[in-house]
Amino acid sequence: MPKKYYVYLLQSAKDNNYYIGQTDNVFKRVEVHNAGRVGSTKNRLPFKLVGYEEFETREKARWREYNLKENTNERKKFIKKLINSADL
């Protein structure tokens, strides 16, 4: 079975802001964030996983993460899509 890669969306319970990242193990990565072992998020704990998108290669996941972080409209659509799918 080929390895999968993911772009995930977390929401901080402290300030309600979002964090976007990429990984090959979403649930393990959320644990790492919530353990305070990620410098960019350790002051905003705890986080909940809102959702994620799946990719065939790390390159595609990294490219998607980069585009979401650089493009405000894409980021807003991504957040809205994952929030709406989480409500189902």
C-alpha atoms as a PDB file:
ATOM      1  CA  MET A   1       0.000   0.000   0.000  1.00  0.00           C
ATOM      2  CA  PRO A   2       1.566   3.322  -1.045  1.00  0.00           C
ATOM      3  CA  LYS A   3       2.280   5.919   1.582  1.00  0.00           C
ATOM      4  CA  LYS A   4      -0.111   8.893   1.755  1.00  0.00           C
ATOM      5  CA  TYR A   5       0.594  12.492   2.685  1.00  0.00           C
ATOM      6  CA  TYR A   6      -1.766  15.039   4.149  1.00  0.00           C
ATOM      7  CA  VAL A   7      -2.353  18.760   4.488  1.00  0.00           C
ATOM      8  CA  TYR A   8      -4.199  19.308   7.747  1.00  0.00           C
ATOM      9  CA  LEU A   9      -6.067  22.113   9.477  1.00  0.00           C
ATOM     10  CA  LEU A  10      -5.905  22.646  13.226  1.00  0.00           C
ATOM     11  CA  GLN A  11      -7.871  25.145  15.290  1.00  0.00           C
ATOM     12  CA  SER A  12      -6.528  26.551  18.540  1.00  0.00           C
ATOM     13  CA  ALA A  13      -8.905  26.384  21.507  1.00  0.00           C
ATOM     14  CA  LYS A  14      -6.942  29.265  23.038  1.00  0.00           C
ATOM     15  CA  ASP A  15      -7.419  31.880  20.297  1.00  0.00           C
ATOM     16  CA  ASN A  16      -9.657  30.105  17.703  1.00  0.00           C
ATOM     17  CA  ASN A  17      -7.065  30.751  14.974  1.00  0.00           C
ATOM     18  CA  TYR A  18      -6.065  28.108  12.451  1.00  0.00           C
ATOM     19  CA  TYR A  19      -2.818  26.352  11.655  1.00  0.00           C
ATOM     20  CA  ILE A  20      -2.113  24.548   8.367  1.00  0.00           C
ATOM     21  CA  GLY A  21       0.603  21.918   8.069  1.00  0.00           C
ATOM     22  CA  GLN A  22       1.557  18.775   6.149  1.00  0.00           C
ATOM     23  CA  THR A  23       2.588  15.328   7.315  1.00  0.00           C
ATOM     24  CA  ASP A  24       2.463  11.622   6.559  1.00  0.00           C
ATOM     25  CA  ASN A  25       0.671  10.840   9.861  1.00  0.00           C
ATOM     26  CA  VAL A  26      -2.059  13.323  10.777  1.00  0.00           C
ATOM     27  CA  PHE A  27      -3.014  11.944  14.188  1.00  0.00           C
ATOM     28  CA  LYS A  28       0.579  11.581  15.361  1.00  0.00           C
ATOM     29  CA  ARG A  29       1.292  15.144  14.194  1.00  0.00           C
ATOM     30  CA  VAL A  30      -1.672  16.510  16.173  1.00  0.00           C
ATOM     31  CA  GLU A  31      -0.267  14.764  19.258  1.00  0.00           C
ATOM     32  CA  VAL A  32       3.121  16.430  18.650  1.00  0.00           C
ATOM     33  CA  HIS A  33       1.450  19.847  18.363  1.00  0.00           C
ATOM     34  CA  ASN A  34      -0.583  19.311  21.527  1.00  0.00           C
ATOM     35  CA  ALA A  35       2.492  18.132  23.428  1.00  0.00           C
ATOM     36  CA  GLY A  36       4.006  21.584  22.829  1.00  0.00           C
ATOM     37  CA  ARG A  37       6.831  20.244  20.660  1.00  0.00           C
ATOM     38  CA  VAL A  38       6.180  22.577  17.684  1.00  0.00           C
ATOM     39  CA  GLY A  39       7.640  26.040  18.185  1.00  0.00           C
ATOM     40  CA  SER A  40       5.119  27.897  16.031  1.00  0.00           C
ATOM     41  CA  THR A  41       2.111  26.476  17.908  1.00  0.00           C
ATOM     42  CA  LYS A  42       3.256  25.758  21.460  1.00  0.00           C
ATOM     43  CA  ASN A  43       1.832  29.020  22.847  1.00  0.00           C
ATOM     44  CA  ARG A  44      -1.636  28.389  21.394  1.00  0.00           C
ATOM     45  CA  LEU A  45      -2.501  24.982  22.892  1.00  0.00           C
ATOM     46  CA  PRO A  46      -4.624  22.936  22.753  1.00  0.00           C
ATOM     47  CA  PHE A  47      -5.520  22.260  19.131  1.00  0.00           C
ATOM     48  CA  LYS A  48      -8.310  20.255  17.570  1.00  0.00           C
ATOM     49  CA  LEU A  49      -8.094  18.652  14.156  1.00  0.00           C
ATOM     50  CA  VAL A  50     -10.645  20.247  11.822  1.00  0.00           C
ATOM     51  CA  GLY A  51      -9.831  18.061   8.816  1.00  0.00           C
ATOM     52  CA  TYR A  52      -7.293  17.191   6.139  1.00  0.00           C
ATOM     53  CA  GLU A  53      -6.730  16.549   2.440  1.00  0.00           C
ATOM     54  CA  GLU A  54      -4.870  13.479   1.141  1.00  0.00           C
ATOM     55  CA  PHE A  55      -2.086  13.445  -1.468  1.00  0.00           C
ATOM     56  CA  GLU A  56      -0.128  10.770  -3.339  1.00  0.00           C
ATOM     57  CA  THR A  57       3.289  12.379  -2.829  1.00  0.00           C
ATOM     58  CA  ARG A  58       4.987  14.585  -0.248  1.00  0.00           C
ATOM     59  CA  GLU A  59       5.824  17.029  -3.048  1.00  0.00           C
ATOM     60  CA  LYS A  60       2.114  17.528  -3.831  1.00  0.00           C
ATOM     61  CA  ALA A  61       1.267  17.955  -0.140  1.00  0.00           C
ATOM     62  CA  ARG A  62       4.067  20.468   0.371  1.00  0.00           C
ATOM     63  CA  TRP A  63       2.987  22.406  -2.721  1.00  0.00           C
ATOM     64  CA  ARG A  64      -0.612  22.533  -1.464  1.00  0.00           C
ATOM     65  CA  GLU A  65       0.524  23.690   1.988  1.00  0.00           C
ATOM     66  CA  TYR A  66       2.693  26.396   0.415  1.00  0.00           C
ATOM     67  CA  ASN A  67      -0.163  27.622  -1.778  1.00  0.00           C
ATOM     68  CA  LEU A  68      -2.573  27.742   1.150  1.00  0.00           C
ATOM     69  CA  LYS A  69      -0.126  29.761   3.221  1.00  0.00           C
ATOM     70  CA  GLU A  70       0.646  32.169   0.356  1.00  0.00           C
ATOM     71  CA  ASN A  71      -2.827  32.613  -1.145  1.00  0.00           C
ATOM     72  CA  THR A  72      -5.489  34.127   1.134  1.00  0.00           C
ATOM     73  CA  ASN A  73      -8.414  33.163  -1.091  1.00  0.00           C
ATOM     74  CA  GLU A  74      -7.266  29.532  -1.363  1.00  0.00           C
ATOM     75  CA  ARG A  75      -6.733  29.408   2.411  1.00  0.00           C
ATOM     76  CA  LYS A  76     -10.258  30.739   3.062  1.00  0.00           C
ATOM     77  CA  LYS A  77     -11.777  28.165   0.672  1.00  0.00           C
ATOM     78  CA  PHE A  78      -9.758  25.350   2.297  1.00  0.00           C
ATOM     79  CA  ILE A  79     -10.855  26.349   5.808  1.00  0.00           C
ATOM     80  CA  LYS A  80     -14.496  26.715   4.759  1.00  0.00           C
ATOM     81  CA  LYS A  81     -14.467  23.349   2.967  1.00  0.00           C
ATOM     82  CA  LEU A  82     -13.006  21.493   5.956  1.00  0.00           C
ATOM     83  CA  ILE A  83     -15.285  23.218   8.478  1.00  0.00           C
ATOM     84  CA  ASN A  84     -18.339  22.341   6.372  1.00  0.00           C
ATOM     85  CA  SER A  85     -17.252  18.720   5.939  1.00  0.00           C
ATOM     86  CA  ALA A  86     -16.631  18.427   9.700  1.00  0.00           C
ATOM     87  CA  ASP A  87     -20.214  19.538  10.382  1.00  0.00           C
ATOM     88  CA  LEU A  88     -21.694  16.646   8.385  1.00  0.00           C
END
